[in-house]
Amino acid sequence: MNDLSDFISHLPKAELHLHIEGTFEPELIFAIAKRNNVKLAYDNVEQLRQAYNFTNLQDFLNIYYQGMSVLLTSQDFYDLTMAYLKRVKLDNTRHVEIFFDPQGHMERGVSFKTAFNGIYDALKDGQTQLDISFKLIMCFLRHLPEEDAIKTWQEAQPYIKYIDGIGLDSSELNNPPEKFKNVFAMAKKSGLKLVAHAGEEGPPEYIYNALDILKIERLDHGNRALEDDELTKRLMRDQITLTVCPQSNLRLCVIDDMKNHPLKTMLDLGLKATINSDDPAYFGGYLNDNYIAVTKALDLSMDQLITLAKNSFSGSFLSDDDINHHLKEIDIYVNGSNG
């Protein structure tokens, strides 16, 4: 495994499922809280870190939204985003497609402009200073009504040319994809890419509806697709990219042991799976940590790791030329490693 860990650390890769608010490390939360004179419910960094020991999606979301409460200025969002980019640079991440949740900020009085400007400016600087390219995906919170999502869509219009896609996140159960069919139709008409969380906690039916009603082009999570043979065959046939998040699945009890993670089965079936960190500050690991954990648990081969890395680029929203550039970069690295 040591050889594979070293191989993983230098393997060029992209991250396609990352909530920027989920990269908020306790140290940075306290630093920004102090800067903004925000009183936290925790006395110190270690106490806050202990609060990260949740066991289900809703408990995680509760602490997640508490952390967001200290983000008040564009500088705060810039610092959050730049901290993530500097961290994933260490994992040899070449491209990121990040989610942001404007509703979670607007509902506490922080304007769309404030959040967007900070995040986007950091992404632009990261591209220049760290050589990490990016796509930005605006997510709607599925526990809120579609009317709220439509208002957010309207608020985003002055910035829409800088946004590459829309997504759907937050509490999945009892919030089926079809609840958001109108706002997704608006985004599709505007030419944005469409993705959605489905099949993490929700049933295979949610995945069908995300594909057929929302018309998504990429599936976030998708674990429970394997419960339905016809759905699995469809995802394989259409080569729909699945943005799988192993450590997230373990921490939120989607699986009970990493050895039971479906990623290897997905690869064996020919599904276009990728590895991602989801909310790494809360789930105990960034991109390479997820690669290493699942490789160790499932005894993944070097060829499977290469497939996962290549899937992360071919499943991205980069141009064909950029995708091919990164695929060649992987081949050069692999040939050098084998030499």
C-alpha atoms as a PDB file:
ATOM      1  CA  MET A   1       0.000   0.000   0.000  1.00  0.00           C
ATOM      2  CA  ASN A   2       2.935   2.341   0.642  1.00  0.00           C
ATOM      3  CA  ASP A   3       3.878   2.272  -3.034  1.00  0.00           C
ATOM      4  CA  LEU A   4       0.284   3.008  -4.037  1.00  0.00           C
ATOM      5  CA  SER A   5       0.051   5.846  -1.510  1.00  0.00           C
ATOM      6  CA  ASP A   6       3.061   7.474  -3.139  1.00  0.00           C
ATOM      7  CA  PHE A   7       1.575   6.807  -6.569  1.00  0.00           C
ATOM      8  CA  ILE A   8      -1.711   8.424  -5.511  1.00  0.00           C
ATOM      9  CA  SER A   9       0.014  11.470  -4.054  1.00  0.00           C
ATOM     10  CA  HIS A  10       1.567  12.367  -7.422  1.00  0.00           C
ATOM     11  CA  LEU A  11      -1.286  11.233  -9.663  1.00  0.00           C
ATOM     12  CA  PRO A  12      -2.890  14.201 -11.496  1.00  0.00           C
ATOM     13  CA  LYS A  13      -6.571  14.374 -10.597  1.00  0.00           C
ATOM     14  CA  ALA A  14      -9.712  16.526 -10.558  1.00  0.00           C
ATOM     15  CA  GLU A  15     -12.343  16.982  -7.855  1.00  0.00           C
ATOM     16  CA  LEU A  16     -15.955  17.127  -9.054  1.00  0.00           C
ATOM     17  CA  HIS A  17     -17.954  16.939  -5.803  1.00  0.00           C
ATOM     18  CA  LEU A  18     -16.873  19.526  -3.273  1.00  0.00           C
ATOM     19  CA  HIS A  19     -18.976  21.901  -1.171  1.00  0.00           C
ATOM     20  CA  ILE A  20     -16.826  24.944  -0.528  1.00  0.00           C
ATOM     21  CA  GLU A  21     -18.654  25.581   2.763  1.00  0.00           C
ATOM     22  CA  GLY A  22     -17.691  22.033   3.742  1.00  0.00           C
ATOM     23  CA  THR A  23     -13.978  22.875   3.659  1.00  0.00           C
ATOM     24  CA  PHE A  24     -14.305  25.132   6.701  1.00  0.00           C
ATOM     25  CA  GLU A  25     -11.647  23.958   9.163  1.00  0.00           C
ATOM     26  CA  PRO A  26     -12.246  24.845  12.852  1.00  0.00           C
ATOM     27  CA  GLU A  27      -9.126  27.009  13.014  1.00  0.00           C
ATOM     28  CA  LEU A  28     -10.362  29.199  10.162  1.00  0.00           C
ATOM     29  CA  ILE A  29     -13.887  29.342  11.616  1.00  0.00           C
ATOM     30  CA  PHE A  30     -12.472  30.748  14.861  1.00  0.00           C
ATOM     31  CA  ALA A  31     -10.180  33.185  13.035  1.00  0.00           C
ATOM     32  CA  ILE A  32     -13.010  34.600  10.929  1.00  0.00           C
ATOM     33  CA  ALA A  33     -15.402  34.636  13.902  1.00  0.00           C
ATOM     34  CA  LYS A  34     -12.876  36.726  15.815  1.00  0.00           C
ATOM     35  CA  ARG A  35     -12.426  39.071  12.862  1.00  0.00           C
ATOM     36  CA  ASN A  36     -16.181  39.561  12.544  1.00  0.00           C
ATOM     37  CA  ASN A  37     -16.932  39.606  16.295  1.00  0.00           C
ATOM     38  CA  VAL A  38     -19.210  36.591  15.970  1.00  0.00           C
ATOM     39  CA  LYS A  39     -19.826  34.633  19.177  1.00  0.00           C
ATOM     40  CA  LEU A  40     -19.596  30.871  18.650  1.00  0.00           C
ATOM     41  CA  ALA A  41     -21.296  28.202  20.726  1.00  0.00           C
ATOM     42  CA  TYR A  42     -17.878  26.641  21.360  1.00  0.00           C
ATOM     43  CA  ASP A  43     -15.067  27.874  23.617  1.00  0.00           C
ATOM     44  CA  ASN A  44     -12.139  26.720  21.514  1.00  0.00           C
ATOM     45  CA  VAL A  45     -11.028  24.966  18.335  1.00  0.00           C
ATOM     46  CA  GLU A  46     -10.814  21.535  19.942  1.00  0.00           C
ATOM     47  CA  GLN A  47     -14.349  21.768  21.331  1.00  0.00           C
ATOM     48  CA  LEU A  48     -15.640  22.653  17.869  1.00  0.00           C
ATOM     49  CA  ARG A  49     -13.677  19.811  16.312  1.00  0.00           C
ATOM     50  CA  GLN A  50     -15.281  17.395  18.761  1.00  0.00           C
ATOM     51  CA  ALA A  51     -18.683  18.594  17.567  1.00  0.00           C
ATOM     52  CA  TYR A  52     -17.776  17.210  14.147  1.00  0.00           C
ATOM     53  CA  ASN A  53     -18.446  13.696  15.499  1.00  0.00           C
ATOM     54  CA  PHE A  54     -21.900  13.297  13.957  1.00  0.00           C
ATOM     55  CA  THR A  55     -23.460  10.067  12.714  1.00  0.00           C
ATOM     56  CA  ASN A  56     -26.045  11.081  10.121  1.00  0.00           C
ATOM     57  CA  LEU A  57     -26.707  13.617   7.387  1.00  0.00           C
ATOM     58  CA  GLN A  58     -29.040  15.855   9.383  1.00  0.00           C
ATOM     59  CA  ASP A  59     -26.699  16.157  12.366  1.00  0.00           C
ATOM     60  CA  PHE A  60     -23.908  17.041   9.967  1.00  0.00           C
ATOM     61  CA  LEU A  61     -26.042  19.671   8.240  1.00  0.00           C
ATOM     62  CA  ASN A  62     -26.873  21.272  11.586  1.00  0.00           C
ATOM     63  CA  ILE A  63     -23.200  21.865  12.438  1.00  0.00           C
ATOM     64  CA  TYR A  64     -22.440  22.733   8.813  1.00  0.00           C
ATOM     65  CA  TYR A  65     -24.901  25.636   8.837  1.00  0.00           C
ATOM     66  CA  GLN A  66     -23.561  26.825  12.200  1.00  0.00           C
ATOM     67  CA  GLY A  67     -20.087  27.081  10.703  1.00  0.00           C
ATOM     68  CA  MET A  68     -21.421  29.092   7.792  1.00  0.00           C
ATOM     69  CA  SER A  69     -22.771  31.705  10.212  1.00  0.00           C
ATOM     70  CA  VAL A  70     -19.378  33.417  10.558  1.00  0.00           C
ATOM     71  CA  LEU A  71     -19.082  34.094   6.806  1.00  0.00           C
ATOM     72  CA  LEU A  72     -20.158  37.734   6.443  1.00  0.00           C
ATOM     73  CA  THR A  73     -17.851  39.503   3.975  1.00  0.00           C
ATOM     74  CA  SER A  74     -16.384  38.764   0.558  1.00  0.00           C
ATOM     75  CA  GLN A  75     -12.988  38.492   2.232  1.00  0.00           C
ATOM     76  CA  ASP A  76     -14.340  35.678   4.410  1.00  0.00           C
ATOM     77  CA  PHE A  77     -15.487  33.711   1.359  1.00  0.00           C
ATOM     78  CA  TYR A  78     -12.198  34.449  -0.382  1.00  0.00           C
ATOM     79  CA  ASP A  79     -10.183  33.139   2.567  1.00  0.00           C
ATOM     80  CA  LEU A  80     -12.329  30.008   2.789  1.00  0.00           C
ATOM     81  CA  THR A  81     -11.942  29.223  -0.907  1.00  0.00           C
ATOM     82  CA  MET A  82      -8.227  30.002  -1.087  1.00  0.00           C
ATOM     83  CA  ALA A  83      -7.543  27.811   1.952  1.00  0.00           C
ATOM     84  CA  TYR A  84      -9.203  24.896   0.129  1.00  0.00           C
ATOM     85  CA  LEU A  85      -7.270  25.504  -3.082  1.00  0.00           C
ATOM     86  CA  LYS A  86      -3.941  25.643  -1.262  1.00  0.00           C
ATOM     87  CA  ARG A  87      -4.797  22.390   0.500  1.00  0.00           C
ATOM     88  CA  VAL A  88      -5.801  20.445  -2.614  1.00  0.00           C
ATOM     89  CA  LYS A  89      -2.742  21.703  -4.468  1.00  0.00           C
ATOM     90  CA  LEU A  90      -0.830  19.418  -2.091  1.00  0.00           C
ATOM     91  CA  ASP A  91      -2.878  16.484  -3.460  1.00  0.00           C
ATOM     92  CA  ASN A  92      -1.798  17.268  -7.033  1.00  0.00           C
ATOM     93  CA  THR A  93      -5.333  18.376  -7.893  1.00  0.00           C
ATOM     94  CA  ARG A  94      -5.319  20.115 -11.259  1.00  0.00           C
ATOM     95  CA  HIS A  95      -9.000  21.012 -11.649  1.00  0.00           C
ATOM     96  CA  VAL A  96     -11.930  21.559  -9.268  1.00  0.00           C
ATOM     97  CA  GLU A  97     -15.668  21.900  -9.833  1.00  0.00           C
ATOM     98  CA  ILE A  98     -16.995  23.315  -6.601  1.00  0.00           C
ATOM     99  CA  PHE A  99     -20.503  23.738  -5.223  1.00  0.00           C
ATOM    100  CA  PHE A 100     -21.651  26.793  -3.313  1.00  0.00           C
ATOM    101  CA  ASP A 101     -24.944  27.311  -1.459  1.00  0.00           C
ATOM    102  CA  PRO A 102     -26.126  30.928  -1.857  1.00  0.00           C
ATOM    103  CA  GLN A 103     -29.435  30.273  -0.078  1.00  0.00           C
ATOM    104  CA  GLY A 104     -27.592  29.324   3.099  1.00  0.00           C
ATOM    105  CA  HIS A 105     -26.034  32.783   3.093  1.00  0.00           C
ATOM    106  CA  MET A 106     -28.884  34.896   1.743  1.00  0.00           C
ATOM    107  CA  GLU A 107     -31.303  33.604   4.378  1.00  0.00           C
ATOM    108  CA  ARG A 108     -29.019  35.073   7.077  1.00  0.00           C
ATOM    109  CA  GLY A 109     -28.674  38.441   5.358  1.00  0.00           C
ATOM    110  CA  VAL A 110     -25.494  37.923   3.329  1.00  0.00           C
ATOM    111  CA  SER A 111     -26.056  38.980  -0.276  1.00  0.00           C
ATOM    112  CA  PHE A 112     -25.495  36.770  -3.288  1.00  0.00           C
ATOM    113  CA  LYS A 113     -22.933  39.312  -4.493  1.00  0.00           C
ATOM    114  CA  THR A 114     -20.916  39.111  -1.285  1.00  0.00           C
ATOM    115  CA  ALA A 115     -20.606  35.320  -1.364  1.00  0.00           C
ATOM    116  CA  PHE A 116     -20.096  35.050  -5.104  1.00  0.00           C
ATOM    117  CA  ASN A 117     -17.409  37.734  -5.355  1.00  0.00           C
ATOM    118  CA  GLY A 118     -15.280  36.215  -2.611  1.00  0.00           C
ATOM    119  CA  ILE A 119     -15.502  32.675  -3.966  1.00  0.00           C
ATOM    120  CA  TYR A 120     -14.988  33.633  -7.606  1.00  0.00           C
ATOM    121  CA  ASP A 121     -12.060  35.969  -6.926  1.00  0.00           C
ATOM    122  CA  ALA A 122     -10.278  33.211  -5.015  1.00  0.00           C
ATOM    123  CA  LEU A 123     -10.914  30.706  -7.804  1.00  0.00           C
ATOM    124  CA  LYS A 124      -9.469  33.141 -10.351  1.00  0.00           C
ATOM    125  CA  ASP A 125      -6.425  33.760  -8.169  1.00  0.00           C
ATOM    126  CA  GLY A 126      -6.049  30.032  -7.618  1.00  0.00           C
ATOM    127  CA  GLN A 127      -5.993  29.477 -11.350  1.00  0.00           C
ATOM    128  CA  THR A 128      -3.248  32.089 -11.764  1.00  0.00           C
ATOM    129  CA  GLN A 129      -1.192  31.403  -8.670  1.00  0.00           C
ATOM    130  CA  LEU A 130      -1.688  27.650  -8.152  1.00  0.00           C
ATOM    131  CA  ASP A 131      -2.448  26.459 -11.701  1.00  0.00           C
ATOM    132  CA  ILE A 132      -5.765  24.922 -10.628  1.00  0.00           C
ATOM    133  CA  SER A 133      -8.560  25.399 -13.164  1.00  0.00           C
ATOM    134  CA  PHE A 134     -12.167  25.510 -12.026  1.00  0.00           C
ATOM    135  CA  LYS A 135     -15.864  25.380 -12.780  1.00  0.00           C
ATOM    136  CA  LEU A 136     -18.422  26.890 -10.393  1.00  0.00           C
ATOM    137  CA  ILE A 137     -21.715  25.146  -9.642  1.00  0.00           C
ATOM    138  CA  MET A 138     -24.531  26.917  -7.787  1.00  0.00           C
ATOM    139  CA  CYS A 139     -26.579  24.516  -5.680  1.00  0.00           C
ATOM    140  CA  PHE A 140     -30.163  24.798  -4.501  1.00  0.00           C
ATOM    141  CA  LEU A 141     -31.108  23.570  -1.021  1.00  0.00           C
ATOM    142  CA  ARG A 142     -33.674  20.836  -1.486  1.00  0.00           C
ATOM    143  CA  HIS A 143     -35.193  21.188   1.992  1.00  0.00           C
ATOM    144  CA  LEU A 144     -36.455  24.641   0.949  1.00  0.00           C
ATOM    145  CA  PRO A 145     -39.382  25.157  -1.475  1.00  0.00           C
ATOM    146  CA  GLU A 146     -38.755  25.548  -5.195  1.00  0.00           C
ATOM    147  CA  GLU A 147     -40.061  29.117  -4.993  1.00  0.00           C
ATOM    148  CA  ASP A 148     -37.012  29.966  -2.897  1.00  0.00           C
ATOM    149  CA  ALA A 149     -34.735  28.326  -5.474  1.00  0.00           C
ATOM    150  CA  ILE A 150     -36.364  30.362  -8.250  1.00  0.00           C
ATOM    151  CA  LYS A 151     -35.777  33.584  -6.292  1.00  0.00           C
ATOM    152  CA  THR A 152     -32.130  32.584  -5.929  1.00  0.00           C
ATOM    153  CA  TRP A 153     -31.937  31.856  -9.662  1.00  0.00           C
ATOM    154  CA  GLN A 154     -33.258  35.325 -10.365  1.00  0.00           C
ATOM    155  CA  GLU A 155     -30.801  36.870  -7.892  1.00  0.00           C
ATOM    156  CA  ALA A 156     -27.961  35.095  -9.698  1.00  0.00           C
ATOM    157  CA  GLN A 157     -28.732  36.506 -13.145  1.00  0.00           C
ATOM    158  CA  PRO A 158     -26.113  39.324 -13.094  1.00  0.00           C
ATOM    159  CA  TYR A 159     -23.466  36.661 -12.397  1.00  0.00           C
ATOM    160  CA  ILE A 160     -24.787  33.786 -14.493  1.00  0.00           C
ATOM    161  CA  LYS A 161     -22.102  34.096 -17.172  1.00  0.00           C
ATOM    162  CA  TYR A 162     -19.538  33.190 -14.505  1.00  0.00           C
ATOM    163  CA  ILE A 163     -21.484  30.151 -13.268  1.00  0.00           C
ATOM    164  CA  ASP A 164     -21.030  26.860 -15.113  1.00  0.00           C
ATOM    165  CA  GLY A 165     -23.796  24.722 -13.686  1.00  0.00           C
ATOM    166  CA  ILE A 166     -26.464  24.194 -11.068  1.00  0.00           C
ATOM    167  CA  GLY A 167     -26.879  21.408  -8.557  1.00  0.00           C
ATOM    168  CA  LEU A 168     -29.163  20.134  -5.814  1.00  0.00           C
ATOM    169  CA  ASP A 169     -27.995  19.326  -2.288  1.00  0.00           C
ATOM    170  CA  SER A 170     -29.003  19.245   1.414  1.00  0.00           C
ATOM    171  CA  SER A 171     -31.469  16.787   2.981  1.00  0.00           C
ATOM    172  CA  GLU A 172     -32.386  14.205   0.349  1.00  0.00           C
ATOM    173  CA  LEU A 173     -35.097  12.148   2.055  1.00  0.00           C
ATOM    174  CA  ASN A 174     -38.628  13.460   1.434  1.00  0.00           C
ATOM    175  CA  ASN A 175     -37.257  16.044  -1.002  1.00  0.00           C
ATOM    176  CA  PRO A 176     -37.400  14.293  -4.384  1.00  0.00           C
ATOM    177  CA  PRO A 177     -35.704  15.799  -7.453  1.00  0.00           C
ATOM    178  CA  GLU A 178     -38.961  16.556  -9.279  1.00  0.00           C
ATOM    179  CA  LYS A 179     -39.695  19.198  -6.649  1.00  0.00           C
ATOM    180  CA  PHE A 180     -37.229  21.393  -8.585  1.00  0.00           C
ATOM    181  CA  LYS A 181     -38.175  20.617 -12.175  1.00  0.00           C
ATOM    182  CA  ASN A 182     -39.082  24.222 -13.064  1.00  0.00           C
ATOM    183  CA  VAL A 183     -35.884  25.887 -11.876  1.00  0.00           C
ATOM    184  CA  PHE A 184     -33.780  23.167 -13.515  1.00  0.00           C
ATOM    185  CA  ALA A 185     -35.663  23.755 -16.772  1.00  0.00           C
ATOM    186  CA  MET A 186     -34.777  27.459 -16.504  1.00  0.00           C
ATOM    187  CA  ALA A 187     -31.113  26.627 -16.014  1.00  0.00           C
ATOM    188  CA  LYS A 188     -31.091  24.151 -18.887  1.00  0.00           C
ATOM    189  CA  LYS A 189     -32.631  26.771 -21.172  1.00  0.00           C
ATOM    190  CA  SER A 190     -29.824  29.130 -20.171  1.00  0.00           C
ATOM    191  CA  GLY A 191     -27.228  26.568 -21.218  1.00  0.00           C
ATOM    192  CA  LEU A 192     -25.904  25.642 -17.774  1.00  0.00           C
ATOM    193  CA  LYS A 193     -24.702  22.152 -16.888  1.00  0.00           C
ATOM    194  CA  LEU A 194     -27.022  20.191 -14.603  1.00  0.00           C
ATOM    195  CA  VAL A 195     -26.073  17.927 -11.691  1.00  0.00           C
ATOM    196  CA  ALA A 196     -27.887  16.700  -8.590  1.00  0.00           C
ATOM    197  CA  HIS A 197     -27.314  14.701  -5.422  1.00  0.00           C
ATOM    198  CA  ALA A 198     -29.337  11.502  -5.658  1.00  0.00           C
ATOM    199  CA  GLY A 199     -29.090   7.980  -4.332  1.00  0.00           C
ATOM    200  CA  GLU A 200     -27.074   8.863  -1.239  1.00  0.00           C
ATOM    201  CA  GLU A 201     -29.898   8.331   1.234  1.00  0.00           C
ATOM    202  CA  GLY A 202     -32.769   8.498  -1.254  1.00  0.00           C
ATOM    203  CA  PRO A 203     -33.998   5.484  -3.262  1.00  0.00           C
ATOM    204  CA  PRO A 204     -33.145   4.571  -6.884  1.00  0.00           C
ATOM    205  CA  GLU A 205     -36.390   6.307  -7.907  1.00  0.00           C
ATOM    206  CA  TYR A 206     -34.754   9.622  -7.037  1.00  0.00           C
ATOM    207  CA  ILE A 207     -31.954   8.856  -9.486  1.00  0.00           C
ATOM    208  CA  TYR A 208     -34.439   8.013 -12.247  1.00  0.00           C
ATOM    209  CA  ASN A 209     -36.265  11.284 -11.617  1.00  0.00           C
ATOM    210  CA  ALA A 210     -33.060  13.300 -11.529  1.00  0.00           C
ATOM    211  CA  LEU A 211     -32.174  11.853 -14.931  1.00  0.00           C
ATOM    212  CA  ASP A 212     -35.619  11.968 -16.541  1.00  0.00           C
ATOM    213  CA  ILE A 213     -37.226  15.059 -14.996  1.00  0.00           C
ATOM    214  CA  LEU A 214     -34.296  17.298 -14.089  1.00  0.00           C
ATOM    215  CA  LYS A 215     -32.248  16.088 -17.103  1.00  0.00           C
ATOM    216  CA  ILE A 216     -29.010  15.986 -15.129  1.00  0.00           C
ATOM    217  CA  GLU A 217     -25.730  15.297 -16.909  1.00  0.00           C
ATOM    218  CA  ARG A 218     -23.801  14.051 -13.885  1.00  0.00           C
ATOM    219  CA  LEU A 219     -24.906  12.181 -10.761  1.00  0.00           C
ATOM    220  CA  ASP A 220     -23.619  13.203  -7.337  1.00  0.00           C
ATOM    221  CA  HIS A 221     -23.225  10.116  -5.112  1.00  0.00           C
ATOM    222  CA  GLY A 222     -25.441   7.502  -6.786  1.00  0.00           C
ATOM    223  CA  ASN A 223     -24.599   4.646  -4.392  1.00  0.00           C
ATOM    224  CA  ARG A 224     -28.116   3.235  -4.339  1.00  0.00           C
ATOM    225  CA  ALA A 225     -28.242   2.910  -8.116  1.00  0.00           C
ATOM    226  CA  LEU A 226     -26.747  -0.546  -7.595  1.00  0.00           C
ATOM    227  CA  GLU A 227     -30.034  -1.678  -6.043  1.00  0.00           C
ATOM    228  CA  ASP A 228     -31.678  -1.455  -9.470  1.00  0.00           C
ATOM    229  CA  ASP A 229     -30.184  -3.550 -12.282  1.00  0.00           C
ATOM    230  CA  GLU A 230     -31.885  -1.606 -15.077  1.00  0.00           C
ATOM    231  CA  LEU A 231     -30.737   1.703 -13.639  1.00  0.00           C
ATOM    232  CA  THR A 232     -27.189   0.386 -13.282  1.00  0.00           C
ATOM    233  CA  LYS A 233     -27.209  -0.747 -16.917  1.00  0.00           C
ATOM    234  CA  ARG A 234     -28.519   2.642 -18.012  1.00  0.00           C
ATOM    235  CA  LEU A 235     -25.821   4.545 -16.132  1.00  0.00           C
ATOM    236  CA  MET A 236     -23.214   2.254 -17.626  1.00  0.00           C
ATOM    237  CA  ARG A 237     -24.624   2.517 -21.160  1.00  0.00           C
ATOM    238  CA  ASP A 238     -24.895   6.308 -21.060  1.00  0.00           C
ATOM    239  CA  GLN A 239     -21.597   6.678 -19.200  1.00  0.00           C
ATOM    240  CA  ILE A 240     -23.120   9.031 -16.637  1.00  0.00           C
ATOM    241  CA  THR A 241     -20.354  10.149 -14.301  1.00  0.00           C
ATOM    242  CA  LEU A 242     -20.902   9.329 -10.615  1.00  0.00           C
ATOM    243  CA  THR A 243     -19.164  11.626  -8.130  1.00  0.00           C
ATOM    244  CA  VAL A 244     -18.598   9.190  -5.289  1.00  0.00           C
ATOM    245  CA  CYS A 245     -17.500  10.356  -1.816  1.00  0.00           C
ATOM    246  CA  PRO A 246     -16.115   7.420   0.219  1.00  0.00           C
ATOM    247  CA  GLN A 247     -15.255   9.061   3.551  1.00  0.00           C
ATOM    248  CA  SER A 248     -18.479  11.047   3.465  1.00  0.00           C
ATOM    249  CA  ASN A 249     -20.410   7.813   3.007  1.00  0.00           C
ATOM    250  CA  LEU A 250     -18.660   6.289   6.007  1.00  0.00           C
ATOM    251  CA  ARG A 251     -19.113   9.296   8.316  1.00  0.00           C
ATOM    252  CA  LEU A 252     -22.793   9.680   7.435  1.00  0.00           C
ATOM    253  CA  CYS A 253     -23.420   5.934   7.836  1.00  0.00           C
ATOM    254  CA  VAL A 254     -24.372   5.381   4.205  1.00  0.00           C
ATOM    255  CA  ILE A 255     -21.983   2.442   4.634  1.00  0.00           C
ATOM    256  CA  ASP A 256     -20.984   0.800   7.909  1.00  0.00           C
ATOM    257  CA  ASP A 257     -17.426  -0.086   6.901  1.00  0.00           C
ATOM    258  CA  MET A 258     -15.167   1.178   4.118  1.00  0.00           C
ATOM    259  CA  LYS A 259     -14.665  -2.466   3.109  1.00  0.00           C
ATOM    260  CA  ASN A 260     -18.349  -2.463   2.124  1.00  0.00           C
ATOM    261  CA  HIS A 261     -18.108   0.600  -0.097  1.00  0.00           C
ATOM    262  CA  PRO A 262     -19.606  -0.013  -3.578  1.00  0.00           C
ATOM    263  CA  LEU A 263     -16.853   1.815  -5.496  1.00  0.00           C
ATOM    264  CA  LYS A 264     -15.013  -1.306  -6.643  1.00  0.00           C
ATOM    265  CA  THR A 265     -18.292  -2.893  -7.711  1.00  0.00           C
ATOM    266  CA  MET A 266     -19.077   0.253  -9.695  1.00  0.00           C
ATOM    267  CA  LEU A 267     -15.747  -0.006 -11.498  1.00  0.00           C
ATOM    268  CA  ASP A 268     -16.166  -3.734 -12.129  1.00  0.00           C
ATOM    269  CA  LEU A 269     -19.577  -3.052 -13.697  1.00  0.00           C
ATOM    270  CA  GLY A 270     -18.112  -0.394 -15.984  1.00  0.00           C
ATOM    271  CA  LEU A 271     -19.727   2.575 -14.245  1.00  0.00           C
ATOM    272  CA  LYS A 272     -17.924   5.889 -14.644  1.00  0.00           C
ATOM    273  CA  ALA A 273     -17.123   6.482 -10.981  1.00  0.00           C
ATOM    274  CA  THR A 274     -14.899   9.191  -9.539  1.00  0.00           C
ATOM    275  CA  ILE A 275     -13.480   9.837  -6.050  1.00  0.00           C
ATOM    276  CA  ASN A 276     -14.235  13.104  -4.251  1.00  0.00           C
ATOM    277  CA  SER A 277     -14.075  14.533  -0.729  1.00  0.00           C
ATOM    278  CA  ASP A 278     -17.545  16.168  -0.459  1.00  0.00           C
ATOM    279  CA  ASP A 279     -17.066  18.145   2.805  1.00  0.00           C
ATOM    280  CA  PRO A 280     -13.471  17.316   3.766  1.00  0.00           C
ATOM    281  CA  ALA A 281     -13.182  19.468   6.902  1.00  0.00           C
ATOM    282  CA  TYR A 282     -16.104  17.582   8.412  1.00  0.00           C
ATOM    283  CA  PHE A 283     -15.450  14.102   7.019  1.00  0.00           C
ATOM    284  CA  GLY A 284     -11.814  13.767   7.992  1.00  0.00           C
ATOM    285  CA  GLY A 285     -10.024  13.880   4.676  1.00  0.00           C
ATOM    286  CA  TYR A 286      -9.299  15.679   1.430  1.00  0.00           C
ATOM    287  CA  LEU A 287      -8.985  14.110  -2.010  1.00  0.00           C
ATOM    288  CA  ASN A 288      -5.886  11.953  -1.526  1.00  0.00           C
ATOM    289  CA  ASP A 289      -7.168  10.821   1.873  1.00  0.00           C
ATOM    290  CA  ASN A 290     -10.258   9.456   0.136  1.00  0.00           C
ATOM    291  CA  TYR A 291      -8.192   7.736  -2.561  1.00  0.00           C
ATOM    292  CA  ILE A 292      -5.941   6.130   0.032  1.00  0.00           C
ATOM    293  CA  ALA A 293      -8.745   5.040   2.373  1.00  0.00           C
ATOM    294  CA  VAL A 294     -10.770   3.332  -0.316  1.00  0.00           C
ATOM    295  CA  THR A 295      -7.694   1.821  -1.981  1.00  0.00           C
ATOM    296  CA  LYS A 296      -6.641   0.250   1.293  1.00  0.00           C
ATOM    297  CA  ALA A 297     -10.124  -1.014   2.172  1.00  0.00           C
ATOM    298  CA  LEU A 298     -11.014  -2.386  -1.269  1.00  0.00           C
ATOM    299  CA  ASP A 299      -7.531  -3.384  -2.434  1.00  0.00           C
ATOM    300  CA  LEU A 300      -7.816  -1.252  -5.561  1.00  0.00           C
ATOM    301  CA  SER A 301      -5.216  -1.849  -8.248  1.00  0.00           C
ATOM    302  CA  MET A 302      -3.001   0.718  -9.912  1.00  0.00           C
ATOM    303  CA  ASP A 303      -5.060   0.339 -13.092  1.00  0.00           C
ATOM    304  CA  GLN A 304      -8.240   1.104 -11.161  1.00  0.00           C
ATOM    305  CA  LEU A 305      -6.643   4.202  -9.647  1.00  0.00           C
ATOM    306  CA  ILE A 306      -5.630   5.363 -13.122  1.00  0.00           C
ATOM    307  CA  THR A 307      -9.209   4.802 -14.324  1.00  0.00           C
ATOM    308  CA  LEU A 308     -10.587   6.830 -11.420  1.00  0.00           C
ATOM    309  CA  ALA A 309      -8.205   9.715 -12.106  1.00  0.00           C
ATOM    310  CA  LYS A 310      -8.989   9.664 -15.827  1.00  0.00           C
ATOM    311  CA  ASN A 311     -12.721   9.545 -15.049  1.00  0.00           C
ATOM    312  CA  SER A 312     -12.313  12.682 -12.929  1.00  0.00           C
ATOM    313  CA  PHE A 313     -11.181  14.604 -16.000  1.00  0.00           C
ATOM    314  CA  SER A 314     -13.355  12.966 -18.672  1.00  0.00           C
ATOM    315  CA  GLY A 315     -16.360  13.404 -16.348  1.00  0.00           C
ATOM    316  CA  SER A 316     -15.616  17.087 -15.819  1.00  0.00           C
ATOM    317  CA  PHE A 317     -17.116  20.037 -17.667  1.00  0.00           C
ATOM    318  CA  LEU A 318     -13.775  20.995 -19.164  1.00  0.00           C
ATOM    319  CA  SER A 319     -13.415  21.355 -22.932  1.00  0.00           C
ATOM    320  CA  ASP A 320     -12.369  18.290 -24.922  1.00  0.00           C
ATOM    321  CA  ASP A 321      -8.937  19.828 -25.516  1.00  0.00           C
ATOM    322  CA  ASP A 322      -8.402  20.420 -21.806  1.00  0.00           C
ATOM    323  CA  ILE A 323      -9.619  16.918 -20.944  1.00  0.00           C
ATOM    324  CA  ASN A 324      -7.231  15.371 -23.461  1.00  0.00           C
ATOM    325  CA  HIS A 325      -4.372  17.454 -22.073  1.00  0.00           C
ATOM    326  CA  HIS A 326      -4.957  16.077 -18.592  1.00  0.00           C
ATOM    327  CA  LEU A 327      -5.406  12.495 -19.811  1.00  0.00           C
ATOM    328  CA  LYS A 328      -2.046  12.717 -21.585  1.00  0.00           C
ATOM    329  CA  GLU A 329      -0.561  14.159 -18.399  1.00  0.00           C
ATOM    330  CA  ILE A 330      -1.735  11.057 -16.505  1.00  0.00           C
ATOM    331  CA  ASP A 331      -0.230   8.761 -19.161  1.00  0.00           C
ATOM    332  CA  ILE A 332       3.097  10.574 -18.947  1.00  0.00           C
ATOM    333  CA  TYR A 333       3.100  10.254 -15.163  1.00  0.00           C
ATOM    334  CA  VAL A 334       2.139   6.556 -15.259  1.00  0.00           C
ATOM    335  CA  ASN A 335       4.760   5.717 -17.870  1.00  0.00           C
ATOM    336  CA  GLY A 336       7.379   7.550 -15.826  1.00  0.00           C
ATOM    337  CA  SER A 337       6.325   5.705 -12.669  1.00  0.00           C
ATOM    338  CA  ASN A 338       6.520   2.335 -14.413  1.00  0.00           C
ATOM    339  CA  GLY A 339       9.855   3.230 -15.963  1.00  0.00           C
END
